[in-house]
Amino acid sequence: MTGQVDENDGREGREDRRDRTRRWRTYGRFTAMIATSTVVMFGLTYTNVFAADHIRFSEERVYMAVLMGSAMAIIMLGFMWGHMYRDVRVNVAIVLVALVVGTGALALSRTQALVDDRAYMKGMIPHHSIAILTSDRADIDDLRVRQLADGISATQHVEIAEMEWLISDIAANGIASTPEEAAARPVPDFEPSDDS
């Protein structure tokens, strides 16, 4: 009798370990899926730039990708709660972490607390590039709207050139933090190109 009890205990112990391993693999795949999706979403935010050389690392795009990944984690977990993901404690922990991370990303986006001069311009170049793409390629029939779009496109080209120059100047010479320093290193006048 004792041998049978020991055998049953051993079998139950192995099954418990298998269940725990299976559960952690399932949650591990979920975490990998959310992380991969977040990285892919970050990359996809650059697909609508006008030109590939307008792609710059943007902290704002990181914040938005992390916010979307956090929301996706909560939504997907909500749909699969009790089906694939049955551990209530782990599910609640995932939701809480996603809420904290998503709220943090939103706060950083709204406050721009970690964005300095160069990071601001590096984030704005792809943003301006999107305005060029939509202004140049939209199917616009109204002449007034076309004129507006052409003006927006030309302005964005000039501002991208200015930002590229400023990024280089600040990297080489530092911040111009006084009126005298700014006057000594003025931004050149960039003209709209013929293709803008």
Protein backbone atom coordinates (compact mmCIF):
# COMPACT_ATOMS: atom_id res chain seq x y z
CA MET A 1 0.00 0.00 0.00
CA THR A 2 2.78 2.41 0.92
CA GLY A 3 4.56 1.65 -2.37
CA GLN A 4 1.40 2.52 -4.32
CA VAL A 5 0.96 5.83 -2.44
CA ASP A 6 4.60 6.74 -3.09
CA GLU A 7 4.16 5.90 -6.78
CA ASN A 8 1.01 8.05 -6.99
CA ASP A 9 2.77 10.92 -5.19
CA GLY A 10 5.69 10.66 -7.62
CA ARG A 11 3.36 10.66 -10.65
CA GLU A 12 1.40 13.65 -9.31
CA GLY A 13 4.65 15.50 -8.62
CA ARG A 14 5.85 14.90 -12.19
CA GLU A 15 2.49 16.02 -13.59
CA ASP A 16 2.59 19.18 -11.45
CA ARG A 17 6.08 19.97 -12.71
CA ARG A 18 4.96 19.36 -16.31
CA ASP A 19 1.94 21.62 -15.81
CA ARG A 20 4.11 24.37 -14.33
CA THR A 21 6.62 24.05 -17.18
CA ARG A 22 3.83 24.12 -19.77
CA ARG A 23 2.24 27.15 -18.09
CA TRP A 24 5.51 29.11 -18.00
CA ARG A 25 6.20 28.23 -21.63
CA THR A 26 2.76 29.53 -22.55
CA TYR A 27 3.35 32.79 -20.69
CA GLY A 28 6.88 32.96 -22.10
CA ARG A 29 5.48 32.76 -25.63
CA PHE A 30 2.95 35.44 -24.74
CA THR A 31 5.74 37.73 -23.49
CA ALA A 32 7.84 37.03 -26.60
CA MET A 33 4.83 37.72 -28.82
CA ILE A 34 4.15 41.09 -27.16
CA ALA A 35 7.85 42.08 -27.24
CA THR A 36 8.20 41.08 -30.90
CA SER A 37 5.00 42.89 -31.84
CA THR A 38 6.16 46.03 -30.03
CA VAL A 39 9.47 46.04 -31.93
CA VAL A 40 7.65 45.43 -35.23
CA MET A 41 5.17 48.23 -34.48
CA PHE A 42 8.10 50.57 -33.78
CA GLY A 43 9.59 49.69 -37.17
CA LEU A 44 6.26 50.10 -38.93
CA THR A 45 5.99 53.70 -37.72
CA TYR A 46 8.71 54.53 -40.25
CA THR A 47 7.01 52.98 -43.28
CA ASN A 48 5.30 56.21 -44.29
CA VAL A 49 8.34 58.50 -44.43
CA PHE A 50 8.90 60.23 -47.77
CA ALA A 51 12.52 59.11 -48.13
CA ALA A 52 14.59 56.47 -46.35
CA ASP A 53 17.24 59.04 -45.43
CA HIS A 54 14.62 60.78 -43.29
CA ILE A 55 14.57 57.84 -40.87
CA ARG A 56 16.02 58.82 -37.50
CA PHE A 57 15.69 57.18 -34.10
CA SER A 58 12.74 58.77 -32.35
CA GLU A 59 12.07 58.45 -28.64
CA GLU A 60 8.45 59.44 -29.31
CA ARG A 61 8.01 56.45 -31.60
CA VAL A 62 9.45 54.20 -28.88
CA TYR A 63 6.93 55.58 -26.39
CA MET A 64 4.05 55.00 -28.80
CA ALA A 65 5.19 51.46 -29.67
CA VAL A 66 5.52 50.59 -25.96
CA LEU A 67 2.09 52.10 -25.26
CA MET A 68 0.57 50.05 -28.11
CA GLY A 69 2.38 46.91 -26.92
CA SER A 70 1.04 47.44 -23.39
CA ALA A 71 -2.51 47.90 -24.67
CA MET A 72 -2.13 44.85 -26.89
CA ALA A 73 -0.98 42.74 -23.92
CA ILE A 74 -4.08 43.69 -21.93
CA ILE A 75 -6.48 43.19 -24.85
CA MET A 76 -5.02 39.83 -25.94
CA LEU A 77 -4.89 38.55 -22.37
CA GLY A 78 -8.50 39.65 -21.89
CA PHE A 79 -9.64 37.67 -24.93
CA MET A 80 -7.73 34.54 -23.88
CA TRP A 81 -8.23 34.77 -20.11
CA GLY A 82 -9.31 31.35 -18.87
CA HIS A 83 -8.67 29.64 -22.22
CA MET A 84 -4.93 29.67 -22.79
CA TYR A 85 -3.95 31.79 -19.80
CA ARG A 86 -5.56 30.35 -16.67
CA ASP A 87 -3.28 31.46 -13.85
CA VAL A 88 -5.21 34.37 -12.34
CA ARG A 89 -2.25 35.66 -10.31
CA VAL A 90 0.03 35.75 -13.36
CA ASN A 91 -2.72 37.31 -15.47
CA VAL A 92 -3.32 40.06 -12.91
CA ALA A 93 0.44 40.67 -12.66
CA ILE A 94 0.69 40.99 -16.46
CA VAL A 95 -2.20 43.46 -16.55
CA LEU A 96 -0.66 45.53 -13.73
CA VAL A 97 2.78 45.57 -15.39
CA ALA A 98 1.22 46.49 -18.75
CA LEU A 99 -0.74 49.32 -17.10
CA VAL A 100 2.37 50.67 -15.35
CA VAL A 101 4.56 50.40 -18.46
CA GLY A 102 1.86 51.85 -20.73
CA THR A 103 1.13 54.70 -18.34
CA GLY A 104 4.86 55.41 -18.07
CA ALA A 105 5.23 55.49 -21.85
CA LEU A 106 2.21 57.78 -22.16
CA ALA A 107 3.59 60.09 -19.45
CA LEU A 108 6.97 60.27 -21.19
CA SER A 109 5.22 61.00 -24.48
CA ARG A 110 3.03 63.73 -23.01
CA THR A 111 5.80 65.40 -20.98
CA GLN A 112 8.70 64.85 -23.40
CA ALA A 113 10.82 64.81 -20.23
CA LEU A 114 13.68 62.80 -21.76
CA VAL A 115 13.76 64.59 -25.13
CA ASP A 116 16.61 67.06 -25.62
CA ASP A 117 17.43 69.34 -28.56
CA ARG A 118 18.88 66.72 -30.89
CA ALA A 119 16.39 64.01 -29.89
CA TYR A 120 13.57 66.47 -30.62
CA MET A 121 14.86 67.16 -34.12
CA LYS A 122 15.63 63.50 -34.82
CA GLY A 123 12.02 62.73 -33.95
CA MET A 124 10.67 65.62 -36.00
CA ILE A 125 12.50 64.73 -39.23
CA PRO A 126 10.46 61.55 -39.89
CA HIS A 127 7.34 63.41 -38.73
CA HIS A 128 7.97 66.16 -41.30
CA SER A 129 8.76 63.49 -43.88
CA ILE A 130 5.29 62.01 -43.44
CA ALA A 131 3.81 65.46 -44.16
CA ILE A 132 5.84 65.59 -47.39
CA LEU A 133 4.65 62.12 -48.44
CA THR A 134 0.98 62.87 -47.84
CA SER A 135 1.19 66.37 -49.34
CA ASP A 136 2.96 65.20 -52.50
CA ARG A 137 1.01 62.00 -53.13
CA ALA A 138 -2.54 62.77 -52.04
CA ASP A 139 -5.06 62.81 -54.90
CA ILE A 140 -5.98 66.48 -54.56
CA ASP A 141 -8.25 68.13 -57.16
CA ASP A 142 -9.06 71.49 -55.56
CA LEU A 143 -6.41 73.99 -56.71
CA ARG A 144 -6.45 75.77 -53.35
CA VAL A 145 -5.84 72.55 -51.45
CA ARG A 146 -3.10 71.61 -53.96
CA GLN A 147 -1.44 74.98 -53.38
CA LEU A 148 -1.67 74.46 -49.61
CA ALA A 149 -0.20 70.93 -49.91
CA ASP A 150 2.65 72.16 -52.12
CA GLY A 151 3.43 74.89 -49.59
CA ILE A 152 3.41 72.38 -46.73
CA SER A 153 5.73 70.06 -48.66
CA ALA A 154 8.18 72.85 -49.53
CA THR A 155 8.22 74.10 -45.93
CA GLN A 156 8.83 70.59 -44.57
CA HIS A 157 11.78 70.07 -46.95
CA VAL A 158 13.36 73.32 -45.74
CA GLU A 159 12.73 72.51 -42.07
CA ILE A 160 14.26 69.03 -42.46
CA ALA A 161 17.39 70.62 -43.97
CA GLU A 162 17.52 73.09 -41.07
CA MET A 163 17.13 70.33 -38.50
CA GLU A 164 19.84 68.20 -40.13
CA TRP A 165 22.19 71.20 -40.07
CA LEU A 166 21.35 71.96 -36.42
CA ILE A 167 21.89 68.33 -35.37
CA SER A 168 25.36 68.41 -36.96
CA ASP A 169 26.20 71.84 -35.54
CA ILE A 170 25.16 70.92 -32.00
CA ALA A 171 27.09 67.64 -32.22
CA ALA A 172 30.21 69.51 -33.35
CA ASN A 173 29.96 72.73 -31.33
CA GLY A 174 27.53 72.14 -28.48
CA ILE A 175 24.34 73.96 -27.55
CA ALA A 176 24.01 77.65 -28.41
CA SER A 177 22.47 78.64 -25.09
CA THR A 178 22.95 82.42 -25.26
CA PRO A 179 21.76 84.96 -27.85
CA GLU A 180 25.41 85.68 -28.66
CA GLU A 181 26.20 82.01 -29.33
CA ALA A 182 23.08 81.66 -31.47
CA ALA A 183 23.97 84.81 -33.45
CA ALA A 184 27.51 83.52 -34.03
CA ARG A 185 26.16 80.24 -35.47
CA PRO A 186 23.02 81.17 -37.43
CA VAL A 187 21.05 78.55 -39.31
CA PRO A 188 21.74 78.94 -43.05
CA ASP A 189 18.89 79.91 -45.36
CA PHE A 190 17.78 76.75 -47.10
CA GLU A 191 15.70 77.14 -50.24
CA PRO A 192 13.05 74.66 -51.29
CA SER A 193 14.47 72.25 -53.85
CA ASP A 194 12.94 71.88 -57.30
CA ASP A 195 11.63 68.41 -56.43
CA SER A 196 9.77 69.65 -53.33
